[in-house]
Protein backbone atom coordinates (compact mmCIF):
# COMPACT_ATOMS: atom_id res chain seq x y z
CA MET A 1 4.97 -34.55 11.73
CA GLY A 2 4.23 -36.90 14.58
CA GLN A 3 2.27 -35.82 17.55
CA ASN A 4 5.30 -34.65 19.52
CA GLU A 5 7.95 -34.51 16.81
CA GLY A 6 9.54 -31.08 16.48
CA GLN A 7 7.14 -29.51 18.98
CA PHE A 8 8.04 -27.21 21.84
CA GLY A 9 6.43 -25.42 24.76
CA ALA A 10 5.17 -21.89 25.24
CA LEU A 11 8.41 -20.56 26.74
CA THR A 12 10.51 -21.81 23.83
CA GLY A 13 7.99 -20.43 21.35
CA SER A 14 8.04 -17.03 23.03
CA ALA A 15 11.85 -16.98 23.04
CA LEU A 16 12.04 -17.86 19.34
CA ILE A 17 9.51 -15.17 18.39
CA PHE A 18 11.33 -12.62 20.55
CA ASN A 19 14.67 -13.52 18.98
CA THR A 20 13.26 -13.34 15.44
CA VAL A 21 11.64 -9.92 15.81
CA VAL A 22 14.51 -8.19 17.63
CA GLY A 23 17.00 -7.49 14.84
CA MET A 24 19.47 -4.84 13.70
CA GLY A 25 16.74 -2.20 13.63
CA ILE A 26 17.01 -1.87 17.41
CA TRP A 27 20.35 -0.03 17.03
CA ALA A 28 18.89 2.53 14.61
CA LEU A 29 15.93 3.39 16.87
CA PRO A 30 17.56 5.93 19.29
CA LYS A 31 18.70 8.33 16.56
CA MET A 32 15.37 8.17 14.71
CA ILE A 33 13.46 8.71 17.97
CA TYR A 34 15.48 11.84 18.72
CA GLU A 35 15.15 13.20 15.17
CA ALA A 36 11.37 12.70 15.01
CA GLY A 37 10.74 14.04 18.52
CA THR A 38 10.88 11.99 21.70
CA VAL A 39 7.24 12.22 22.82
CA ALA A 40 5.83 11.63 19.34
CA SER A 41 8.31 8.81 18.65
CA TYR A 42 7.54 6.94 21.87
CA SER A 43 3.82 7.22 21.07
CA ILE A 44 4.42 5.91 17.54
CA LEU A 45 6.57 3.04 18.83
CA ILE A 46 3.92 1.93 21.33
CA PHE A 47 1.13 2.25 18.75
CA CYS A 48 3.04 0.30 16.07
CA GLY A 49 3.90 -2.36 18.65
CA PHE A 50 0.20 -2.79 19.37
CA ILE A 51 -0.68 -2.94 15.66
CA SER A 52 2.09 -5.49 15.22
CA PHE A 53 0.52 -7.66 17.93
CA VAL A 54 -2.92 -7.33 16.31
CA VAL A 55 -1.54 -8.57 12.99
CA ALA A 56 0.38 -11.35 14.76
CA SER A 57 -2.90 -12.51 16.33
CA PHE A 58 -4.44 -12.47 12.82
CA ILE A 59 -1.61 -14.70 11.57
CA ASN A 60 -2.26 -17.10 14.44
CA GLU A 61 -5.96 -17.17 13.49
CA LEU A 62 -4.98 -17.90 9.89
CA GLN A 63 -3.36 -21.18 10.96
CA GLY A 64 -6.79 -22.55 11.86
CA ALA A 65 -8.64 -20.68 9.10
CA ALA A 66 -6.35 -21.87 6.29
CA ASN A 67 -6.73 -25.49 7.40
CA ALA A 68 -10.51 -25.05 7.48
CA VAL A 69 -10.60 -23.44 4.03
CA LYS A 70 -8.60 -26.30 2.57
CA LYS A 71 -10.71 -28.99 4.27
CA ALA A 72 -13.92 -27.36 3.07
CA ASN A 73 -12.59 -26.88 -0.49
CA LEU A 74 -13.28 -23.16 -0.35
CA SER A 75 -9.91 -22.18 -1.83
CA LYS A 76 -9.68 -19.31 -4.30
CA ASN A 77 -7.26 -21.54 -6.21
CA PRO A 78 -8.98 -24.96 -6.31
CA LYS A 79 -7.40 -27.93 -8.01
CA LYS A 80 -8.93 -29.13 -11.26
CA VAL A 81 -11.71 -31.67 -10.78
CA LEU A 82 -13.78 -33.88 -13.04
CA LYS A 83 -16.88 -32.38 -14.64
CA GLU A 84 -19.24 -34.60 -12.67
CA ASP A 85 -17.57 -33.61 -9.37
CA GLU A 86 -17.56 -29.87 -10.02
CA VAL A 87 -21.16 -29.17 -8.89
CA ARG A 88 -20.71 -30.98 -5.59
CA LEU A 89 -17.40 -29.26 -4.77
CA THR A 90 -18.66 -25.77 -5.53
CA ASP A 91 -21.48 -26.03 -3.00
CA PRO A 92 -19.97 -24.84 0.32
CA GLU A 93 -22.92 -25.93 2.44
CA ASP A 94 -22.77 -29.53 1.15
CA GLU A 95 -19.03 -29.63 1.66
CA LEU A 96 -19.29 -28.26 5.20
CA ASP A 97 -21.98 -30.80 6.09
CA ARG A 98 -19.64 -33.57 4.93
CA ILE A 99 -16.85 -32.49 7.31
CA ASP A 100 -16.65 -33.06 11.02
CA GLN A 101 -17.15 -29.44 12.07
CA ALA A 102 -15.62 -30.07 15.47
CA THR A 103 -12.21 -30.65 13.86
CA ILE A 104 -12.42 -28.36 10.84
CA TYR A 105 -10.10 -25.78 12.47
CA THR A 106 -7.61 -28.35 13.76
CA VAL A 107 -4.13 -27.35 12.60
CA THR A 108 -2.93 -30.45 10.80
CA GLU A 109 -0.91 -28.59 8.17
CA ARG A 110 1.39 -25.59 8.46
CA PHE A 111 0.56 -22.72 6.13
CA GLU A 112 3.30 -20.19 5.50
CA LEU A 113 1.98 -16.76 4.54
CA THR A 114 2.91 -17.28 0.89
CA SER A 115 0.92 -20.52 0.60
CA ALA A 116 -1.95 -19.06 2.64
CA VAL A 117 -2.21 -16.08 0.27
CA GLN A 118 -2.52 -18.41 -2.71
CA LEU A 119 -5.08 -20.59 -0.92
CA ILE A 120 -7.30 -17.77 0.35
CA LEU A 121 -6.77 -14.90 -2.11
CA GLY A 122 -5.69 -16.61 -5.33
CA ASP A 123 -2.80 -16.59 -7.81
CA TRP A 124 -2.38 -12.89 -8.60
CA PRO A 125 -2.38 -11.69 -4.98
CA ALA A 126 0.13 -14.48 -4.27
CA LYS A 127 2.45 -13.21 -7.01
CA ILE A 128 2.19 -9.64 -5.75
CA ASN A 129 2.87 -10.82 -2.21
CA ASN A 130 5.95 -12.75 -3.38
CA ILE A 131 7.31 -9.63 -5.09
CA LEU A 132 6.78 -7.60 -1.92
CA ILE A 133 8.50 -10.26 0.18
CA ILE A 134 11.50 -10.17 -2.18
CA LEU A 135 11.60 -6.36 -1.92
CA SER A 136 11.37 -6.61 1.87
CA ILE A 137 14.29 -9.06 1.87
CA GLN A 138 16.23 -6.68 -0.38
CA VAL A 139 15.70 -3.89 2.15
CA ALA A 140 17.21 -6.09 4.86
CA VAL A 141 20.17 -6.98 2.61
CA CYS A 142 20.74 -3.26 1.92
CA ALA A 143 20.70 -2.49 5.64
CA TYR A 144 23.22 -5.24 6.41
CA ILE A 145 25.61 -4.05 3.70
CA VAL A 146 25.47 -0.46 4.98
CA THR A 147 25.88 -1.66 8.58
CA PHE A 148 29.01 -3.60 7.65
CA ALA A 149 30.50 -0.80 5.54
CA GLU A 150 29.72 1.92 8.08
CA THR A 151 31.22 -0.07 10.97
CA PHE A 152 34.26 -1.13 8.93
CA ARG A 153 34.90 2.49 7.90
CA ASN A 154 34.73 3.70 11.49
CA LEU A 155 37.05 1.04 12.84
CA TYR A 156 39.55 1.64 10.05
CA CYS A 157 39.43 5.44 10.05
CA ARG A 158 38.95 6.05 13.78
CA PRO A 159 41.64 4.36 15.93
CA LEU A 160 40.35 2.86 19.18
CA THR A 161 41.85 5.58 21.37
CA CYS A 162 40.39 8.15 23.74
CA GLN A 163 41.78 10.95 21.57
CA SER A 164 39.86 9.94 18.43
CA ASP A 165 36.37 10.99 17.45
CA ASN A 166 33.59 8.60 18.31
CA PHE A 167 32.04 8.08 14.91
CA THR A 168 31.67 9.61 11.48
CA GLU A 169 28.40 11.28 10.57
CA ASP A 170 26.62 10.46 7.29
CA LEU A 171 29.07 10.65 4.42
CA ASP A 172 29.35 13.98 2.67
CA ASP A 173 31.21 13.73 -0.64
CA SER A 174 31.61 17.50 -0.86
CA GLU A 175 33.82 17.50 2.24
CA LYS A 176 36.00 14.60 1.02
CA ALA A 177 36.92 13.72 4.60
CA MET A 178 40.18 11.82 4.82
CA CYS A 179 40.38 8.46 6.56
CA GLY A 180 42.64 9.05 9.54
CA ASP A 181 46.28 9.45 8.52
CA THR A 182 45.85 7.51 5.28
CA GLN A 183 45.77 8.91 1.77
CA TYR A 184 42.26 7.58 1.20
CA THR A 185 38.93 9.34 1.72
CA GLU A 186 36.32 7.88 4.05
CA LYS A 187 34.03 7.51 1.05
CA PHE A 188 36.63 5.30 -0.65
CA ILE A 189 36.99 3.10 2.45
CA TYR A 190 33.19 2.83 2.73
CA THR A 191 32.85 1.85 -0.95
CA SER A 192 35.68 -0.67 -0.58
CA ALA A 193 33.88 -2.21 2.41
CA VAL A 194 30.69 -2.58 0.34
CA ILE A 195 32.61 -4.45 -2.36
CA LEU A 196 34.45 -6.47 0.30
CA ILE A 197 31.31 -7.92 1.92
CA LEU A 198 29.89 -8.88 -1.48
CA ALA A 199 33.14 -10.58 -2.50
CA VAL A 200 33.85 -12.39 0.79
CA THR A 201 30.30 -13.71 1.26
CA ALA A 202 29.81 -14.77 -2.38
CA PRO A 203 31.04 -18.37 -1.87
CA PHE A 204 28.86 -18.79 1.23
CA CYS A 205 25.81 -17.39 -0.58
CA ALA A 206 26.48 -19.78 -3.46
CA MET A 207 26.65 -22.79 -1.11
CA GLY A 208 23.57 -21.77 0.90
CA VAL A 209 25.51 -21.65 4.17
CA GLY A 210 22.81 -19.34 5.55
CA ASN A 211 20.85 -22.45 6.52
CA ASN A 212 23.61 -23.52 8.89
CA THR A 213 22.21 -23.48 12.42
CA SER A 214 25.64 -22.76 13.90
CA VAL A 215 25.91 -19.57 11.82
CA GLN A 216 22.56 -18.35 13.13
CA MET A 217 23.39 -19.41 16.69
CA LEU A 218 26.70 -17.51 16.59
CA GLY A 219 24.92 -14.32 15.59
CA THR A 220 22.26 -14.83 18.27
CA ILE A 221 24.79 -15.32 21.08
CA PHE A 222 26.78 -12.23 20.15
CA ARG A 223 23.58 -10.19 19.75
CA TRP A 224 22.40 -10.85 23.28
CA ILE A 225 25.84 -10.39 24.82
CA THR A 226 25.97 -6.99 23.13
CA ILE A 227 22.43 -5.96 24.12
CA ILE A 228 23.06 -6.91 27.76
CA LEU A 229 26.42 -5.11 27.82
CA VAL A 230 24.94 -1.95 26.31
CA LEU A 231 22.03 -1.93 28.76
CA ILE A 232 24.28 -2.48 31.79
CA ILE A 233 26.72 0.28 30.75
CA SER A 234 23.93 2.71 29.87
CA ILE A 235 21.94 2.02 33.05
CA VAL A 236 25.06 2.63 35.16
CA ARG A 237 25.49 5.91 33.30
CA VAL A 238 21.82 6.79 33.90
CA GLY A 239 22.48 6.35 37.63
CA ASP A 240 24.99 9.22 37.57
CA SER A 241 23.73 12.53 38.89
CA ASP A 242 24.91 14.33 35.73
CA ALA A 243 22.91 12.13 33.36
CA LYS A 244 19.93 13.84 31.77
CA PHE A 245 17.38 12.53 29.29
CA SER A 246 17.69 14.21 25.87
CA THR A 247 14.30 15.47 24.77
CA SER A 248 13.53 16.84 21.33
CA PRO A 249 10.51 18.65 19.85
CA THR A 250 8.22 16.95 17.36
CA ASN A 251 9.62 17.05 13.83
CA TRP A 252 6.66 16.55 11.51
CA ALA A 253 8.90 15.89 8.51
CA ARG A 254 10.60 12.95 10.29
CA MET A 255 7.51 11.47 11.95
CA PRO A 256 6.48 9.42 8.87
CA LEU A 257 9.96 7.86 8.82
CA MET A 258 9.52 6.96 12.48
CA PHE A 259 6.38 5.00 11.52
CA GLY A 260 8.41 3.12 8.91
CA MET A 261 11.22 2.52 11.41
CA ALA A 262 8.79 1.17 14.02
CA ASN A 263 7.15 -1.13 11.45
CA SER A 264 10.57 -2.52 10.54
CA ALA A 265 11.53 -2.94 14.20
CA PHE A 266 8.37 -4.96 14.95
CA GLY A 267 8.38 -6.76 11.57
CA CYS A 268 9.33 -10.31 10.52
CA HIS A 269 5.70 -11.48 10.62
CA GLU A 270 6.43 -13.70 7.61
CA ALA A 271 8.34 -16.02 9.96
CA LEU A 272 5.54 -16.34 12.55
CA PRO A 273 3.72 -19.36 11.04
CA SER A 274 6.92 -21.43 11.31
CA LEU A 275 7.25 -20.43 14.98
CA LEU A 276 3.59 -20.75 16.00
CA PHE A 277 2.88 -24.09 14.31
CA PRO A 278 5.18 -26.28 16.50
CA ILE A 279 3.84 -24.90 19.81
CA LYS A 280 2.09 -27.76 21.64
CA GLN A 281 -0.79 -25.92 23.32
CA LYS A 282 -1.89 -23.63 20.48
CA ARG A 283 -4.80 -22.24 22.49
CA ASN A 284 -2.17 -20.31 24.48
CA ASN A 285 -0.70 -18.69 21.37
CA VAL A 286 -2.51 -15.38 21.81
CA MET A 287 -1.27 -15.01 25.38
CA ILE A 288 2.24 -15.91 24.19
CA LEU A 289 2.02 -13.16 21.57
CA ILE A 290 0.74 -10.61 24.11
CA ILE A 291 3.61 -11.31 26.51
CA THR A 292 6.27 -11.52 23.79
CA PHE A 293 5.36 -8.31 21.96
CA SER A 294 5.03 -6.50 25.30
CA LEU A 295 8.57 -7.59 26.22
CA ILE A 296 9.88 -6.56 22.80
CA GLY A 297 8.27 -3.14 23.15
CA PHE A 298 9.70 -2.79 26.65
CA LEU A 299 13.20 -3.65 25.37
CA PHE A 300 12.93 -1.07 22.56
CA LEU A 301 11.78 1.62 25.00
CA LEU A 302 14.42 0.70 27.60
CA LEU A 303 17.32 0.69 25.16
CA SER A 304 16.22 3.93 23.49
CA THR A 305 15.65 5.68 26.84
CA THR A 306 19.04 4.66 28.23
CA ALA A 307 20.68 5.72 24.95
CA LEU A 308 19.09 9.17 25.07
CA THR A 309 20.18 9.51 28.71
CA ALA A 310 23.73 8.17 28.41
CA PHE A 311 24.45 10.37 25.36
CA ASP A 312 23.32 13.78 24.17
CA GLY A 313 20.64 13.37 21.51
CA PRO A 314 22.51 15.21 18.71
CA GLU A 315 25.57 13.01 19.30
CA ILE A 316 23.83 9.66 18.86
CA ALA A 317 25.14 7.77 15.84
CA ASP A 318 23.06 6.23 13.08
CA LEU A 319 24.23 2.91 14.53
CA TYR A 320 23.98 3.51 18.27
CA LEU A 321 26.84 1.11 19.04
CA LEU A 322 29.33 3.41 17.31
CA ASN A 323 28.89 5.84 20.21
CA PHE A 324 30.85 3.47 22.44
CA GLN A 325 33.92 3.32 20.19
CA ASN A 326 36.04 6.00 21.86
CA ASP A 327 33.95 7.18 24.81
CA CYS A 328 36.49 6.45 27.53
CA ASP A 329 34.45 8.26 30.19
CA LEU A 330 31.59 5.83 29.70
CA VAL A 331 33.60 2.65 28.99
CA LYS A 332 37.15 2.59 30.30
CA SER A 333 37.97 -0.87 28.96
CA SER A 334 39.28 -0.68 25.38
CA PHE A 335 38.42 -4.39 24.99
CA VAL A 336 34.73 -3.78 25.80
CA ARG A 337 34.64 -0.75 23.50
CA MET A 338 36.12 -2.86 20.73
CA ILE A 339 33.52 -5.61 21.25
CA LEU A 340 30.61 -3.15 21.18
CA THR A 341 31.90 -1.31 18.12
CA PHE A 342 32.89 -4.46 16.22
CA TYR A 343 29.66 -6.32 17.01
CA PRO A 344 27.53 -4.98 14.08
CA ILE A 345 29.91 -6.66 11.63
CA ILE A 346 28.96 -10.14 12.90
CA PRO A 347 25.17 -9.99 12.39
CA ALA A 348 25.66 -7.89 9.27
CA VAL A 349 27.68 -10.69 7.65
CA THR A 350 25.70 -13.68 8.97
CA ASN A 351 22.29 -12.12 8.29
CA PHE A 352 23.44 -10.87 4.88
CA ILE A 353 24.24 -14.46 3.88
CA ILE A 354 20.94 -15.79 5.28
CA PHE A 355 18.76 -13.16 3.59
CA HIS A 356 20.74 -13.30 0.35
CA VAL A 357 20.15 -17.07 0.10
CA VAL A 358 16.43 -16.61 0.86
CA CYS A 359 16.21 -13.92 -1.82
CA GLN A 360 17.83 -16.24 -4.38
CA ARG A 361 15.30 -18.97 -3.61
CA ASN A 362 12.36 -16.61 -3.88
CA LEU A 363 13.63 -15.32 -7.23
CA GLU A 364 14.10 -18.91 -8.41
CA VAL A 365 10.44 -19.62 -7.64
CA MET A 366 9.19 -16.35 -9.15
CA LEU A 367 11.15 -16.32 -12.42
CA PRO A 368 10.42 -18.63 -15.38
CA LEU A 369 13.78 -20.39 -15.22
CA PRO A 370 14.49 -23.69 -17.01
CA LYS A 371 13.99 -26.70 -14.76
CA VAL A 372 16.40 -29.15 -16.39
CA LEU A 373 19.95 -27.88 -16.71
CA THR A 374 23.44 -29.23 -17.25
CA LYS A 375 26.06 -28.71 -14.52
CA LEU A 376 27.39 -25.68 -16.41
CA GLY A 377 23.84 -24.38 -16.82
CA LEU A 378 23.24 -24.69 -13.07
CA ILE A 379 26.40 -22.68 -12.40
CA TYR A 380 25.29 -19.94 -14.80
CA GLN A 381 21.83 -19.89 -13.22
CA LYS A 382 23.32 -19.62 -9.72
CA ILE A 383 25.55 -16.72 -10.84
CA PHE A 384 22.52 -15.03 -12.43
CA LEU A 385 20.41 -15.35 -9.26
CA MET A 386 23.26 -14.14 -7.04
CA THR A 387 23.89 -11.15 -9.30
CA LEU A 388 20.20 -10.28 -9.45
CA SER A 389 19.96 -10.52 -5.65
CA SER A 390 22.93 -8.15 -5.25
CA LEU A 391 22.24 -5.41 -7.81
CA VAL A 392 19.67 -3.37 -5.88
CA PRO A 393 21.46 -3.66 -2.50
CA LEU A 394 24.74 -2.61 -4.16
CA ALA A 395 23.16 0.44 -5.80
CA VAL A 396 21.29 1.48 -2.66
CA SER A 397 24.22 1.00 -0.27
CA LEU A 398 26.45 3.18 -2.46
CA THR A 399 23.77 5.89 -2.54
CA ILE A 400 22.22 5.80 0.95
CA THR A 401 24.58 5.41 3.89
CA ASN A 402 22.00 5.81 6.65
CA VAL A 403 20.79 2.49 8.10
CA GLY A 404 17.85 4.13 9.86
CA LEU A 405 16.64 5.67 6.61
CA ILE A 406 16.83 2.31 4.83
CA PHE A 407 14.82 0.60 7.57
CA SER A 408 12.32 3.49 7.66
CA VAL A 409 11.65 3.66 3.92
CA GLY A 410 11.66 -0.13 3.62
CA GLY A 411 9.26 -0.47 6.53
CA ALA A 412 6.90 2.09 5.01
CA PHE A 413 6.76 0.76 1.45
CA THR A 414 7.56 -2.97 1.52
CA THR A 415 7.55 -4.59 4.97
CA ILE A 416 4.23 -3.00 5.91
CA PHE A 417 2.54 -4.79 2.98
CA SER A 418 4.11 -8.23 3.30
CA SER A 419 3.93 -8.26 7.12
CA PHE A 420 0.70 -6.33 7.79
CA PHE A 421 -1.48 -5.86 4.69
CA PHE A 422 -1.76 -9.38 3.29
CA PRO A 423 -2.27 -11.15 6.66
CA THR A 424 -5.05 -8.69 7.52
CA LEU A 425 -6.64 -9.04 4.09
CA MET A 426 -6.55 -12.83 4.42
CA VAL A 427 -8.22 -12.74 7.84
CA MET A 428 -10.99 -10.53 6.48
CA ARG A 429 -11.51 -12.84 3.50
CA SER A 430 -11.27 -16.12 5.47
CA ARG A 431 -13.86 -14.94 8.00
CA SER A 432 -16.24 -14.33 5.12
CA MET A 433 -15.47 -17.71 3.51
CA LEU A 434 -16.05 -19.57 6.80
CA ALA A 435 -19.09 -17.59 7.92
CA ASP A 436 -21.34 -20.68 7.55
CA VAL A 437 -19.24 -22.77 9.95
CA PRO A 438 -21.19 -22.88 13.25
CA VAL A 439 -18.16 -23.62 15.44
CA LYS A 440 -15.65 -20.99 16.51
CA ASN A 441 -12.04 -21.02 15.42
CA PRO A 442 -10.12 -21.91 18.64
CA LEU A 443 -7.17 -19.85 17.36
CA ALA A 444 -9.31 -16.81 16.59
CA SER A 445 -7.80 -13.43 17.33
CA PRO A 446 -9.43 -11.54 20.22
CA MET A 447 -9.75 -8.66 17.71
CA GLN A 448 -12.90 -9.97 15.98
CA SER A 449 -14.48 -6.59 15.30
CA ASN A 450 -14.04 -5.12 11.81
CA PHE A 451 -12.76 -2.01 13.58
CA TRP A 452 -9.36 -3.65 14.08
CA ILE A 453 -9.11 -4.61 10.42
CA PHE A 454 -10.03 -1.05 9.48
CA LEU A 455 -7.44 0.32 11.93
CA VAL A 456 -4.66 -1.79 10.41
CA PHE A 457 -5.60 -0.74 6.87
CA LEU A 458 -5.81 2.90 7.97
CA THR A 459 -2.36 2.65 9.58
CA ILE A 460 -0.91 1.17 6.39
CA ALA A 461 -2.47 3.84 4.17
CA GLY A 462 -1.44 6.65 6.50
CA THR A 463 2.14 5.37 6.72
CA VAL A 464 2.55 5.02 2.95
CA VAL A 465 0.98 8.40 2.10
CA ALA A 466 2.80 10.29 4.85
CA ASN A 467 6.18 8.82 3.87
CA ALA A 468 5.58 9.55 0.19
CA ILE A 469 4.84 13.18 1.07
CA ALA A 470 7.85 13.41 3.41
CA ILE A 471 10.26 11.93 0.87
CA PHE A 472 9.09 13.64 -2.31
CA PHE A 473 7.64 16.95 -1.15
CA LEU A 474 9.28 17.95 2.17
């Protein structure tokens, strides 16, 4: 990359980070906040937002640290060298003396988290990290399938009229609820929608259309139109004298899931190196992260607060947008209600394709697949990777129909490791490896005390243990 090629300023960097972090999880927050208890949930959301910033600052530090580790040949996975060179290269002090220490931390190469793990921690941690990233991607794919199927079911079974119910609660097979005036059950329509999204998107997943910038831009535009519309409508409702904030007592059984939900909401740290690297003035990265994560936290709190004020807590849907479907008192325009209710289908489809393609590529790297294939062999391999990428999401989406639960469990057992654990472990290790370097890393996190590393690890352990207890014993 040339000096200015592909680079952008602080404002663009902040916008890209903001847009990457704020995903579908934002619409599952209000219900989870109410179920876990409003006061406790707000506290958890603020705390997890802070922890997320701490880890983001660690990832920023790793950009300089990984470059320094590579320049000083301190890698845990060094390349093979000649016998006569081995003694010289294994002496860190000699190697550090040979390097211009003033530029050792200069970011000349971008290190994604996967490559940084291999460089700093070695092969086996890198393989474990790759598996966790694939599982984290699978969680996202599951959530997008359920989002599509749940929204499709509601639009099909609940006509867009003021006389219809707003949304359908979590599916209950024992009740065998019928889909409107049709002869089909809502469960059948939901299952059909799951199969539909897999079938319709299969050609796009096979062609790798997820890389298309226009596809991502389309989803981004609709996302922000929807967020702005929802906030305006809800804030107007909050201004009414009858509006009252829905409070709920602390539910200790749901609190662990709220931790998982918050981790998912503030996740996507794997994408940060690609967004931080092109920023021109990298010394401002920490301030950019502080401002960006503060704005993200504010948006989460604002949207959740207006949701719990515009609607009664027990009535909030798993996907908050479904509350607008047939609430004619709140939204008189049927066109606006249709846009808000239909919106989840757009990011569900576009993001499903994007994440499905990424999952295929990660599996292709992980699995010992043959490198040289005929055209027919390549087709069979593509079908195999697509099938493997779809099996778990298909099974989960037919079993769990609650988007919030998927994000919560996924955030507690997969995302928290790939987004939080490995970056923190790498920072701890890289600081030890570079302890003999007399100059300071200009991209160093302001959280230099080991207390912050301990706090992140404690948060991870507490989240995993608490969720395991809540799921298997409560």
